C-alpha cells in the first residue's frame, strides 16, 4: 500500500498533585491541525504511579482527537455530497 499523506502527533503531559493532563496535537501535511485534551485525577487512596495517570490522560486525549476527526470527516463529506452526514463515534 502506498502512503499518500502522513501526519505527526505531539503529546505533552502536565502533572500536579493528583491530576494528570495530556494535550495532543495532530498536524497533517495539508496544514490541518487538530488539538485535543484528556485528564485524570488519582484517587487519594491509590498509590502514586505517574505512568498510569499518563496512560489514562493520553487515552482520553486520543479519544477526544478521534471524535473530532470523525466530526471533521463528516462535515467534509456533507460539504462534498450536499447531504447530511454523521459518522458514529
PDB file of N, CA and C in Angstrom:
ATOM      1  N   UNK A   1       0.843  -1.168   0.000  1.00  0.00           N
ATOM      2  CA  UNK A   1       0.000   0.000   0.000  1.00  0.00           C
ATOM      3  C   UNK A   1       0.895   1.240   0.000  1.00  0.00           C
ATOM      4  N   UNK A   2       0.560   2.199  -0.820  1.00  0.00           N
ATOM      5  CA  UNK A   2       1.338   3.429  -0.923  1.00  0.00           C
ATOM      6  C   UNK A   2       0.839   4.470   0.080  1.00  0.00           C
ATOM      7  N   UNK A   3       1.771   5.138   0.743  1.00  0.00           N
ATOM      8  CA  UNK A   3       1.409   6.227   1.649  1.00  0.00           C
ATOM      9  C   UNK A   3       1.336   7.511   0.843  1.00  0.00           C
ATOM     10  N   UNK A   4       0.174   8.148   0.843  1.00  0.00           N
ATOM     11  CA  UNK A   4      -0.023   9.364   0.071  1.00  0.00           C
ATOM     12  C   UNK A   4       0.220  10.598   0.934  1.00  0.00           C
ATOM     13  N   UNK A   5      -0.224  10.536   2.160  1.00  0.00           N
ATOM     14  CA  UNK A   5      -0.064  11.670   3.072  1.00  0.00           C
ATOM     15  C   UNK A   5       0.204  11.130   4.468  1.00  0.00           C
ATOM     16  N   UNK A   6       0.931  11.862   5.240  1.00  0.00           N
ATOM     17  CA  UNK A   6       1.219  11.465   6.611  1.00  0.00           C
ATOM     18  C   UNK A   6       0.882  12.609   7.547  1.00  0.00           C
ATOM     19  N   UNK A   7       1.095  12.390   8.796  1.00  0.00           N
ATOM     20  CA  UNK A   7       0.857  13.421   9.794  1.00  0.00           C
ATOM     21  C   UNK A   7       1.690  13.140  11.024  1.00  0.00           C
ATOM     22  N   UNK A   8       1.766  14.117  11.882  1.00  0.00           N
ATOM     23  CA  UNK A   8       2.519  13.974  13.125  1.00  0.00           C
ATOM     24  C   UNK A   8       1.608  14.251  14.307  1.00  0.00           C
ATOM     25  N   UNK A   9       1.775  13.451  15.356  1.00  0.00           N
ATOM     26  CA  UNK A   9       1.040  13.664  16.604  1.00  0.00           C
ATOM     27  C   UNK A   9       2.054  14.009  17.682  1.00  0.00           C
ATOM     28  N   UNK A  10       1.820  15.129  18.354  1.00  0.00           N
ATOM     29  CA  UNK A  10       2.630  15.538  19.502  1.00  0.00           C
ATOM     30  C   UNK A  10       1.763  15.416  20.743  1.00  0.00           C
ATOM     31  N   UNK A  11       2.357  14.882  21.819  1.00  0.00           N
ATOM     32  CA  UNK A  11       1.627  14.753  23.067  1.00  0.00           C
ATOM     33  C   UNK A  11       2.484  15.308  24.194  1.00  0.00           C
ATOM     34  N   UNK A  12       1.844  16.070  25.051  1.00  0.00           N
ATOM     35  CA  UNK A  12       2.538  16.694  26.181  1.00  0.00           C
ATOM     36  C   UNK A  12       1.729  16.430  27.446  1.00  0.00           C
ATOM     37  N   UNK A  13       2.435  16.067  28.510  1.00  0.00           N
ATOM     38  CA  UNK A  13       1.771  15.796  29.789  1.00  0.00           C
ATOM     39  C   UNK A  13       2.047  16.917  30.781  1.00  0.00           C
ATOM     40  N   UNK A  14       1.042  17.180  31.618  1.00  0.00           N
ATOM     41  CA  UNK A  14       1.162  18.149  32.702  1.00  0.00           C
ATOM     42  C   UNK A  14       0.674  17.440  33.961  1.00  0.00           C
ATOM     43  N   UNK A  15       1.492  17.476  34.986  1.00  0.00           N
ATOM     44  CA  UNK A  15       1.135  16.782  36.216  1.00  0.00           C
ATOM     45  C   UNK A  15       1.291  17.705  37.411  1.00  0.00           C
ATOM     46  N   UNK A  16       0.336  17.590  38.311  1.00  0.00           N
ATOM     47  CA  UNK A  16       0.394  18.366  39.538  1.00  0.00           C
ATOM     48  C   UNK A  16      -0.478  17.720  40.591  1.00  0.00           C
ATOM     49  N   UNK A  17       0.112  17.394  41.698  1.00  0.00           N
ATOM     50  CA  UNK A  17      -0.650  16.744  42.769  1.00  0.00           C
ATOM     51  C   UNK A  17      -1.214  15.424  42.290  1.00  0.00           C
ATOM     52  N   UNK A  18      -2.520  15.301  42.335  1.00  0.00           N
ATOM     53  CA  UNK A  18      -3.178  14.056  41.929  1.00  0.00           C
ATOM     54  C   UNK A  18      -3.712  14.131  40.501  1.00  0.00           C
ATOM     55  N   UNK A  19      -3.468  15.230  39.811  1.00  0.00           N
ATOM     56  CA  UNK A  19      -4.014  15.420  38.469  1.00  0.00           C
ATOM     57  C   UNK A  19      -2.956  15.216  37.391  1.00  0.00           C
ATOM     58  N   UNK A  20      -3.373  14.592  36.299  1.00  0.00           N
ATOM     59  CA  UNK A  20      -2.530  14.427  35.120  1.00  0.00           C
ATOM     60  C   UNK A  20      -3.353  14.845  33.911  1.00  0.00           C
ATOM     61  N   UNK A  21      -2.765  15.663  33.062  1.00  0.00           N
ATOM     62  CA  UNK A  21      -3.428  16.108  31.837  1.00  0.00           C
ATOM     63  C   UNK A  21      -2.541  15.789  30.644  1.00  0.00           C
ATOM     64  N   UNK A  22      -3.180  15.531  29.517  1.00  0.00           N
ATOM     65  CA  UNK A  22      -2.464  15.291  28.267  1.00  0.00           C
ATOM     66  C   UNK A  22      -3.048  16.209  27.198  1.00  0.00           C
ATOM     67  N   UNK A  23      -2.181  16.884  26.489  1.00  0.00           N
ATOM     68  CA  UNK A  23      -2.575  17.693  25.339  1.00  0.00           C
ATOM     69  C   UNK A  23      -1.981  17.047  24.097  1.00  0.00           C
ATOM     70  N   UNK A  24      -2.823  16.863  23.090  1.00  0.00           N
ATOM     71  CA  UNK A  24      -2.422  16.211  21.851  1.00  0.00           C
ATOM     72  C   UNK A  24      -2.659  17.173  20.699  1.00  0.00           C
ATOM     73  N   UNK A  25      -1.715  17.183  19.763  1.00  0.00           N
ATOM     74  CA  UNK A  25      -1.873  18.000  18.562  1.00  0.00           C
ATOM     75  C   UNK A  25      -1.529  17.140  17.352  1.00  0.00           C
ATOM     76  N   UNK A  26      -2.465  17.061  16.426  1.00  0.00           N
ATOM     77  CA  UNK A  26      -2.256  16.343  15.172  1.00  0.00           C
ATOM     78  C   UNK A  26      -2.075  17.371  14.067  1.00  0.00           C
ATOM     79  N   UNK A  27      -0.942  17.262  13.367  1.00  0.00           N
ATOM     80  CA  UNK A  27      -0.675  18.142  12.227  1.00  0.00           C
ATOM     81  C   UNK A  27      -0.587  17.293  10.970  1.00  0.00           C
ATOM     82  N   UNK A  28      -1.470  17.582  10.024  1.00  0.00           N
ATOM     83  CA  UNK A  28      -1.453  16.890   8.750  1.00  0.00           C
ATOM     84  C   UNK A  28      -0.676  17.718   7.737  1.00  0.00           C
ATOM     85  N   UNK A  29      -0.219  17.064   6.691  1.00  0.00           N
ATOM     86  CA  UNK A  29       0.599  17.761   5.687  1.00  0.00           C
ATOM     87  C   UNK A  29      -0.144  18.878   4.973  1.00  0.00           C
ATOM     88  N   UNK A  30      -1.479  18.799   4.934  1.00  0.00           N
ATOM     89  CA  UNK A  30      -2.238  19.850   4.256  1.00  0.00           C
ATOM     90  C   UNK A  30      -2.423  21.093   5.126  1.00  0.00           C
ATOM     91  N   UNK A  31      -1.803  21.093   6.302  1.00  0.00           N
ATOM     92  CA  UNK A  31      -1.883  22.244   7.193  1.00  0.00           C
ATOM     93  C   UNK A  31      -2.954  22.134   8.260  1.00  0.00           C
ATOM     94  N   UNK A  32      -3.786  21.135   8.161  1.00  0.00           N
ATOM     95  CA  UNK A  32      -4.832  20.936   9.160  1.00  0.00           C
ATOM     96  C   UNK A  32      -4.190  20.619  10.507  1.00  0.00           C
ATOM     97  N   UNK A  33      -4.700  21.244  11.560  1.00  0.00           N
ATOM     98  CA  UNK A  33      -4.212  20.980  12.913  1.00  0.00           C
ATOM     99  C   UNK A  33      -5.420  20.758  13.810  1.00  0.00           C
ATOM    100  N   UNK A  34      -5.403  19.671  14.536  1.00  0.00           N
ATOM    101  CA  UNK A  34      -6.482  19.332  15.464  1.00  0.00           C
ATOM    102  C   UNK A  34      -5.856  19.154  16.842  1.00  0.00           C
ATOM    103  N   UNK A  35      -6.440  19.810  17.839  1.00  0.00           N
ATOM    104  CA  UNK A  35      -5.937  19.715  19.210  1.00  0.00           C
ATOM    105  C   UNK A  35      -6.977  19.026  20.082  1.00  0.00           C
ATOM    106  N   UNK A  36      -6.486  18.223  21.032  1.00  0.00           N
ATOM    107  CA  UNK A  36      -7.378  17.512  21.935  1.00  0.00           C
ATOM    108  C   UNK A  36      -6.772  17.491  23.335  1.00  0.00           C
ATOM    109  N   UNK A  37      -7.616  17.187  24.311  1.00  0.00           N
ATOM    110  CA  UNK A  37      -7.201  17.235  25.710  1.00  0.00           C
ATOM    111  C   UNK A  37      -7.799  16.048  26.455  1.00  0.00           C
ATOM    112  N   UNK A  38      -7.047  15.524  27.396  1.00  0.00           N
ATOM    113  CA  UNK A  38      -7.533  14.464  28.271  1.00  0.00           C
ATOM    114  C   UNK A  38      -6.972  14.685  29.666  1.00  0.00           C
ATOM    115  N   UNK A  39      -7.718  14.248  30.665  1.00  0.00           N
ATOM    116  CA  UNK A  39      -7.283  14.464  32.050  1.00  0.00           C
ATOM    117  C   UNK A  39      -7.760  13.318  32.935  1.00  0.00           C
ATOM    118  N   UNK A  40      -7.075  13.182  34.053  1.00  0.00           N
ATOM    119  CA  UNK A  40      -7.480  12.208  35.060  1.00  0.00           C
ATOM    120  C   UNK A  40      -7.055  12.715  36.436  1.00  0.00           C
ATOM    121  N   UNK A  41      -7.750  12.244  37.446  1.00  0.00           N
ATOM    122  CA  UNK A  41      -7.423  12.589  38.837  1.00  0.00           C
ATOM    123  C   UNK A  41      -7.264  11.281  39.605  1.00  0.00           C
ATOM    124  N   UNK A  42      -6.122  11.131  40.252  1.00  0.00           N
ATOM    125  CA  UNK A  42      -5.843   9.940  41.039  1.00  0.00           C
ATOM    126  C   UNK A  42      -6.636   9.988  42.337  1.00  0.00           C
ATOM    127  N   UNK A  43      -7.247   8.877  42.691  1.00  0.00           N
ATOM    128  CA  UNK A  43      -7.960   8.784  43.962  1.00  0.00           C
ATOM    129  C   UNK A  43      -6.928   8.859  45.080  1.00  0.00           C
ATOM    130  N   UNK A  44      -7.217   9.595  46.147  1.00  0.00           N
ATOM    131  CA  UNK A  44      -6.238   9.760  47.234  1.00  0.00           C
ATOM    132  C   UNK A  44      -5.723   8.454  47.833  1.00  0.00           C
ATOM    133  N   UNK A  45      -6.515   7.403  47.787  1.00  0.00           N
ATOM    134  CA  UNK A  45      -6.066   6.136  48.381  1.00  0.00           C
ATOM    135  C   UNK A  45      -5.232   5.293  47.408  1.00  0.00           C
ATOM    136  N   UNK A  46      -5.157   5.697  46.135  1.00  0.00           N
ATOM    137  CA  UNK A  46      -4.355   4.957  45.156  1.00  0.00           C
ATOM    138  C   UNK A  46      -2.889   5.355  45.258  1.00  0.00           C
ATOM    139  N   UNK A  47      -1.985   4.405  45.019  1.00  0.00           N
ATOM    140  CA  UNK A  47      -0.556   4.753  45.048  1.00  0.00           C
ATOM    141  C   UNK A  47      -0.208   5.681  43.886  1.00  0.00           C
ATOM    142  N   UNK A  48       0.773   6.531  44.100  1.00  0.00           N
ATOM    143  CA  UNK A  48       1.209   7.466  43.059  1.00  0.00           C
ATOM    144  C   UNK A  48       1.989   6.697  41.993  1.00  0.00           C
ATOM    145  N   UNK A  49       1.406   6.541  40.823  1.00  0.00           N
ATOM    146  CA  UNK A  49       2.045   5.874  39.688  1.00  0.00           C
ATOM    147  C   UNK A  49       1.907   6.792  38.484  1.00  0.00           C
ATOM    148  N   UNK A  50       2.913   7.563  38.215  1.00  0.00           N
ATOM    149  CA  UNK A  50       2.892   8.565  37.151  1.00  0.00           C
ATOM    150  C   UNK A  50       2.481   7.957  35.814  1.00  0.00           C
ATOM    151  N   UNK A  51       3.033   6.819  35.473  1.00  0.00           N
ATOM    152  CA  UNK A  51       2.768   6.188  34.176  1.00  0.00           C
ATOM    153  C   UNK A  51       1.287   5.888  33.978  1.00  0.00           C
ATOM    154  N   UNK A  52       0.610   5.435  35.022  1.00  0.00           N
ATOM    155  CA  UNK A  52      -0.804   5.084  34.903  1.00  0.00           C
ATOM    156  C   UNK A  52      -1.637   6.330  34.619  1.00  0.00           C
ATOM    157  N   UNK A  53      -1.363   7.414  35.321  1.00  0.00           N
ATOM    158  CA  UNK A  53      -2.069   8.662  35.064  1.00  0.00           C
ATOM    159  C   UNK A  53      -1.844   9.150  33.644  1.00  0.00           C
ATOM    160  N   UNK A  54      -0.608   9.009  33.164  1.00  0.00           N
ATOM    161  CA  UNK A  54      -0.299   9.419  31.796  1.00  0.00           C
ATOM    162  C   UNK A  54      -1.051   8.555  30.786  1.00  0.00           C
ATOM    163  N   UNK A  55      -1.132   7.258  31.043  1.00  0.00           N
ATOM    164  CA  UNK A  55      -1.845   6.362  30.127  1.00  0.00           C
ATOM    165  C   UNK A  55      -3.321   6.733  30.034  1.00  0.00           C
ATOM    166  N   UNK A  56      -3.939   7.002  31.172  1.00  0.00           N
ATOM    167  CA  UNK A  56      -5.365   7.338  31.181  1.00  0.00           C
ATOM    168  C   UNK A  56      -5.600   8.689  30.499  1.00  0.00           C
ATOM    169  N   UNK A  57      -4.799   9.689  30.859  1.00  0.00           N
ATOM    170  CA  UNK A  57      -4.952  11.016  30.249  1.00  0.00           C
ATOM    171  C   UNK A  57      -4.700  10.949  28.745  1.00  0.00           C
ATOM    172  N   UNK A  58      -3.695  10.190  28.324  1.00  0.00           N
ATOM    173  CA  UNK A  58      -3.392  10.042  26.895  1.00  0.00           C
ATOM    174  C   UNK A  58      -4.543   9.367  26.164  1.00  0.00           C
ATOM    175  N   UNK A  59      -5.091   8.308  26.750  1.00  0.00           N
ATOM    176  CA  UNK A  59      -6.206   7.603  26.120  1.00  0.00           C
ATOM    177  C   UNK A  59      -7.401   8.533  25.953  1.00  0.00           C
ATOM    178  N   UNK A  60      -7.680   9.344  26.960  1.00  0.00           N
ATOM    179  CA  UNK A  60      -8.808  10.273  26.872  1.00  0.00           C
ATOM    180  C   UNK A  60      -8.549  11.358  25.830  1.00  0.00           C
ATOM    181  N   UNK A  61      -7.318  11.839  25.740  1.00  0.00           N
ATOM    182  CA  UNK A  61      -6.978  12.849  24.739  1.00  0.00           C
ATOM    183  C   UNK A  61      -7.090  12.262  23.334  1.00  0.00           C
ATOM    184  N   UNK A  62      -6.604  11.048  23.141  1.00  0.00           N
ATOM    185  CA  UNK A  62      -6.684  10.416  21.825  1.00  0.00           C
ATOM    186  C   UNK A  62      -8.126  10.090  21.454  1.00  0.00           C
ATOM    187  N   UNK A  63      -8.941   9.736  22.438  1.00  0.00           N
ATOM    188  CA  UNK A  63     -10.363   9.515  22.193  1.00  0.00           C
ATOM    189  C   UNK A  63     -11.031  10.814  21.738  1.00  0.00           C
ATOM    190  N   UNK A  64     -10.692  11.918  22.389  1.00  0.00           N
ATOM    191  CA  UNK A  64     -11.209  13.229  22.001  1.00  0.00           C
ATOM    192  C   UNK A  64     -10.759  13.567  20.576  1.00  0.00           C
ATOM    193  N   UNK A  65      -9.501  13.287  20.267  1.00  0.00           N
ATOM    194  CA  UNK A  65      -8.972  13.535  18.930  1.00  0.00           C
ATOM    195  C   UNK A  65      -9.734  12.719  17.887  1.00  0.00           C
ATOM    196  N   UNK A  66      -9.987  11.452  18.175  1.00  0.00           N
ATOM    197  CA  UNK A  66     -10.723  10.590  17.248  1.00  0.00           C
ATOM    198  C   UNK A  66     -12.124  11.125  16.982  1.00  0.00           C
ATOM    199  N   UNK A  67     -12.804  11.578  18.024  1.00  0.00           N
ATOM    200  CA  UNK A  67     -14.145  12.138  17.855  1.00  0.00           C
ATOM    201  C   UNK A  67     -14.109  13.392  16.980  1.00  0.00           C
ATOM    202  N   UNK A  68     -13.126  14.250  17.219  1.00  0.00           N
ATOM    203  CA  UNK A  68     -13.013  15.466  16.419  1.00  0.00           C
ATOM    204  C   UNK A  68     -12.738  15.140  14.952  1.00  0.00           C
ATOM    205  N   UNK A  69     -11.888  14.151  14.702  1.00  0.00           N
ATOM    206  CA  UNK A  69     -11.580  13.769  13.331  1.00  0.00           C
ATOM    207  C   UNK A  69     -12.803  13.183  12.622  1.00  0.00           C
ATOM    208  N   UNK A  70     -13.599  12.380  13.334  1.00  0.00           N
ATOM    209  CA  UNK A  70     -14.823  11.849  12.749  1.00  0.00           C
ATOM    210  C   UNK A  70     -15.811  12.970  12.436  1.00  0.00           C
ATOM    211  N   UNK A  71     -15.933  13.944  13.333  1.00  0.00           N
ATOM    212  CA  UNK A  71     -16.815  15.090  13.082  1.00  0.00           C
ATOM    213  C   UNK A  71     -16.331  15.896  11.878  1.00  0.00           C
ATOM    214  N   UNK A  72     -15.017  16.087  11.777  1.00  0.00           N
ATOM    215  CA  UNK A  72     -14.448  16.829  10.655  1.00  0.00           C
ATOM    216  C   UNK A  72     -14.694  16.085   9.348  1.00  0.00           C
ATOM    217  N   UNK A  73     -14.450  14.777   9.342  1.00  0.00           N
ATOM    218  CA  UNK A  73     -14.680  13.979   8.141  1.00  0.00           C
ATOM    219  C   UNK A  73     -16.145  14.010   7.745  1.00  0.00           C
ATOM    220  N   UNK A  74     -17.035  13.941   8.716  1.00  0.00           N
ATOM    221  CA  UNK A  74     -18.468  14.010   8.453  1.00  0.00           C
ATOM    222  C   UNK A  74     -18.834  15.335   7.791  1.00  0.00           C
ATOM    223  N   UNK A  75     -18.295  16.429   8.310  1.00  0.00           N
ATOM    224  CA  UNK A  75     -18.557  17.747   7.723  1.00  0.00           C
ATOM    225  C   UNK A  75     -17.989  17.836   6.309  1.00  0.00           C
ATOM    226  N   UNK A  76     -16.807  17.270   6.097  1.00  0.00           N
ATOM    227  CA  UNK A  76     -16.195  17.277   4.766  1.00  0.00           C
ATOM    228  C   UNK A  76     -17.037  16.469   3.767  1.00  0.00           C
ATOM    229  N   UNK A  77     -17.558  15.325   4.198  1.00  0.00           N
ATOM    230  CA  UNK A  77     -18.416  14.512   3.331  1.00  0.00           C
ATOM    231  C   UNK A  77     -19.685  15.279   2.988  1.00  0.00           C
ATOM    232  N   UNK A  78     -20.309  15.887   3.997  1.00  0.00           N
ATOM    233  CA  UNK A  78     -21.534  16.654   3.772  1.00  0.00           C
ATOM    234  C   UNK A  78     -21.300  17.804   2.812  1.00  0.00           C
ATOM    235  N   UNK A  79     -20.154  18.449   2.947  1.00  0.00           N
ATOM    236  CA  UNK A  79     -19.822  19.567   2.059  1.00  0.00           C
ATOM    237  C   UNK A  79     -19.669  19.088   0.610  1.00  0.00           C
ATOM    238  N   UNK A  80     -19.118  17.906   0.436  1.00  0.00           N
ATOM    239  CA  UNK A  80     -18.885  17.359  -0.904  1.00  0.00           C
ATOM    240  C   UNK A  80     -20.165  16.816  -1.532  1.00  0.00           C
ATOM    241  N   UNK A  81     -20.962  16.101  -0.727  1.00  0.00           N
ATOM    242  CA  UNK A  81     -22.145  15.443  -1.262  1.00  0.00           C
ATOM    243  C   UNK A  81     -23.405  16.285  -1.169  1.00  0.00           C
ATOM    244  N   UNK A  82     -23.361  17.355  -0.387  1.00  0.00           N
ATOM    245  CA  UNK A  82     -24.524  18.214  -0.139  1.00  0.00           C
ATOM    246  C   UNK A  82     -25.658  17.431   0.521  1.00  0.00           C
ATOM    247  N   UNK A  83     -25.280  16.393   1.278  1.00  0.00           N
ATOM    248  CA  UNK A  83     -26.222  15.572   2.034  1.00  0.00           C
ATOM    249  C   UNK A  83     -25.774  15.545   3.486  1.00  0.00           C
ATOM    250  N   UNK A  84     -26.741  15.583   4.417  1.00  0.00           N
ATOM    251  CA  UNK A  84     -26.339  15.485   5.825  1.00  0.00           C
ATOM    252  C   UNK A  84     -25.642  14.147   6.093  1.00  0.00           C
ATOM    253  N   UNK A  85     -24.523  14.216   6.790  1.00  0.00           N
ATOM    254  CA  UNK A  85     -23.754  13.023   7.106  1.00  0.00           C
ATOM    255  C   UNK A  85     -23.332  13.088   8.562  1.00  0.00           C
ATOM    256  N   UNK A  86     -23.444  11.967   9.251  1.00  0.00           N
ATOM    257  CA  UNK A  86     -22.954  11.905  10.622  1.00  0.00           C
ATOM    258  C   UNK A  86     -22.295  10.548  10.832  1.00  0.00           C
ATOM    259  N   UNK A  87     -21.001  10.567  11.067  1.00  0.00           N
ATOM    260  CA  UNK A  87     -20.272   9.335  11.330  1.00  0.00           C
ATOM    261  C   UNK A  87     -20.356   9.028  12.814  1.00  0.00           C
ATOM    262  N   UNK A  88     -20.572   7.774  13.155  1.00  0.00           N
ATOM    263  CA  UNK A  88     -20.690   7.387  14.558  1.00  0.00           C
ATOM    264  C   UNK A  88     -19.342   7.414  15.253  1.00  0.00           C
ATOM    265  N   UNK A  89     -19.359   7.783  16.528  1.00  0.00           N
ATOM    266  CA  UNK A  89     -18.128   7.797  17.348  1.00  0.00           C
ATOM    267  C   UNK A  89     -17.915   6.452  17.959  1.00  0.00           C
TER     268      UNK A  89
END
